[in-house]
């Protein structure tokens, strides 16, 4: 974002605005960071860049991520909690969640064989 330092936030592209928001959060030096769909509306390249930034700058903080991009969640999470119709369906490692029959039925249309 340093190269864009002289620009107003309103002039930034969507992905750059989201990265600016992350910078504002980090300025408060939080122990816990809550992110609600941080890559919503981004293309593949912007998503990769944003997630790389999140992983880099939040490595020593606790992150609570609300996200519908399953691949993203599974790649960046140590622990996943899946909600279905307002209830906790499953909690565990990404590997456990990927193998969970109830999660597969609810979100993938059936159990993998």
Protein backbone atom coordinates (compact mmCIF):
# COMPACT_ATOMS: atom_id res chain seq x y z
CA UNK A 1 0.00 0.00 0.00
CA UNK A 2 3.01 2.27 0.33
CA UNK A 3 2.90 3.09 -3.39
CA UNK A 4 -0.68 4.33 -2.94
CA UNK A 5 0.01 6.46 0.16
CA UNK A 6 -0.87 9.75 -1.55
CA UNK A 7 -4.29 8.56 -2.74
CA UNK A 8 -7.61 8.94 -0.98
CA UNK A 9 -9.14 5.68 0.22
CA UNK A 10 -12.23 6.30 -1.91
CA UNK A 11 -10.02 6.22 -5.05
CA UNK A 12 -8.61 2.77 -4.28
CA UNK A 13 -9.73 -0.40 -6.01
CA UNK A 14 -11.82 -2.83 -3.95
CA UNK A 15 -8.91 -5.15 -3.08
CA UNK A 16 -6.70 -2.26 -2.04
CA UNK A 17 -9.48 -0.88 0.17
CA UNK A 18 -9.74 -4.24 1.93
CA UNK A 19 -5.97 -4.31 2.47
CA UNK A 20 -6.14 -0.74 3.82
CA UNK A 21 -8.84 -1.87 6.25
CA UNK A 22 -6.51 -4.62 7.44
CA UNK A 23 -3.80 -2.02 8.01
CA UNK A 24 -6.20 0.08 10.07
CA UNK A 25 -7.05 -2.95 12.21
CA UNK A 26 -3.37 -3.74 12.74
CA UNK A 27 -2.68 -0.15 13.82
CA UNK A 28 -4.60 -0.93 17.03
CA UNK A 29 -2.23 -3.87 17.77
CA UNK A 30 -5.04 -6.36 18.50
CA UNK A 31 -4.54 -9.84 19.94
CA UNK A 32 -7.68 -11.03 18.15
CA UNK A 33 -8.69 -10.05 14.61
CA UNK A 34 -12.19 -10.73 13.30
CA UNK A 35 -12.54 -10.81 9.52
CA UNK A 36 -15.89 -11.20 7.80
CA UNK A 37 -15.42 -12.42 4.23
CA UNK A 38 -12.18 -10.50 3.65
CA UNK A 39 -11.97 -11.55 -0.01
CA UNK A 40 -15.61 -11.03 -1.00
CA UNK A 41 -15.87 -9.49 -4.44
CA UNK A 42 -12.22 -10.15 -5.31
CA UNK A 43 -10.84 -12.03 -8.27
CA UNK A 44 -8.48 -14.99 -7.91
CA UNK A 45 -5.28 -12.94 -7.98
CA UNK A 46 -6.56 -10.34 -5.49
CA UNK A 47 -7.76 -13.15 -3.23
CA UNK A 48 -4.34 -14.85 -3.29
CA UNK A 49 -2.59 -11.54 -2.55
CA UNK A 50 -4.95 -10.69 0.30
CA UNK A 51 -4.67 -14.11 1.93
CA UNK A 52 -0.88 -14.01 1.65
CA UNK A 53 -0.97 -10.63 3.38
CA UNK A 54 -3.33 -11.91 6.09
CA UNK A 55 -1.09 -14.91 6.75
CA UNK A 56 2.00 -12.71 6.88
CA UNK A 57 0.77 -9.89 9.10
CA UNK A 58 -1.47 -11.96 11.37
CA UNK A 59 0.93 -14.86 11.96
CA UNK A 60 1.28 -14.02 15.65
CA UNK A 61 -2.37 -13.13 16.29
CA UNK A 62 -5.57 -15.07 16.69
CA UNK A 63 -7.81 -14.77 13.66
CA UNK A 64 -11.53 -15.47 13.56
CA UNK A 65 -12.50 -15.75 9.91
CA UNK A 66 -16.04 -15.87 8.58
CA UNK A 67 -15.83 -17.04 4.99
CA UNK A 68 -17.83 -18.93 2.37
CA UNK A 69 -14.82 -19.75 0.18
CA UNK A 70 -14.21 -23.32 1.35
CA UNK A 71 -10.81 -23.65 -0.32
CA UNK A 72 -9.61 -20.48 1.36
CA UNK A 73 -10.86 -21.63 4.77
CA UNK A 74 -9.28 -25.05 4.46
CA UNK A 75 -5.93 -23.60 3.40
CA UNK A 76 -5.51 -20.94 6.10
CA UNK A 77 -7.21 -22.46 9.15
CA UNK A 78 -5.89 -24.50 12.05
CA UNK A 79 -9.42 -25.16 13.28
CA UNK A 80 -12.75 -24.90 11.47
CA UNK A 81 -16.29 -24.66 12.83
CA UNK A 82 -19.04 -25.29 10.31
CA UNK A 83 -22.45 -23.74 10.93
CA UNK A 84 -25.59 -25.06 9.26
CA UNK A 85 -28.95 -23.38 9.76
CA UNK A 86 -27.64 -21.49 12.77
CA UNK A 87 -26.26 -24.54 14.56
CA UNK A 88 -22.73 -25.90 14.93
CA UNK A 89 -22.51 -28.86 12.57
CA UNK A 90 -18.86 -29.78 13.10
CA UNK A 91 -15.63 -28.48 14.62
CA UNK A 92 -12.11 -29.71 14.01
CA UNK A 93 -9.06 -29.57 11.83
CA UNK A 94 -9.54 -28.85 8.13
CA UNK A 95 -8.80 -32.51 7.43
CA UNK A 96 -11.46 -33.70 9.87
CA UNK A 97 -14.01 -31.24 8.45
CA UNK A 98 -13.25 -32.33 4.87
CA UNK A 99 -13.94 -35.95 5.87
CA UNK A 100 -17.06 -35.24 7.94
CA UNK A 101 -20.14 -36.96 6.47
CA UNK A 102 -22.59 -34.37 7.84
CA UNK A 103 -20.60 -31.48 6.39
CA UNK A 104 -20.45 -33.24 3.04
CA UNK A 105 -24.22 -33.83 3.06
CA UNK A 106 -25.00 -30.25 4.04
CA UNK A 107 -22.57 -28.46 1.74
CA UNK A 108 -21.45 -30.85 -0.96
CA UNK A 109 -24.72 -32.64 -1.74
CA UNK A 110 -23.75 -36.01 -0.36
CA UNK A 111 -21.05 -38.17 1.16
CA UNK A 112 -17.88 -38.83 -0.84
CA UNK A 113 -17.25 -42.47 -1.54
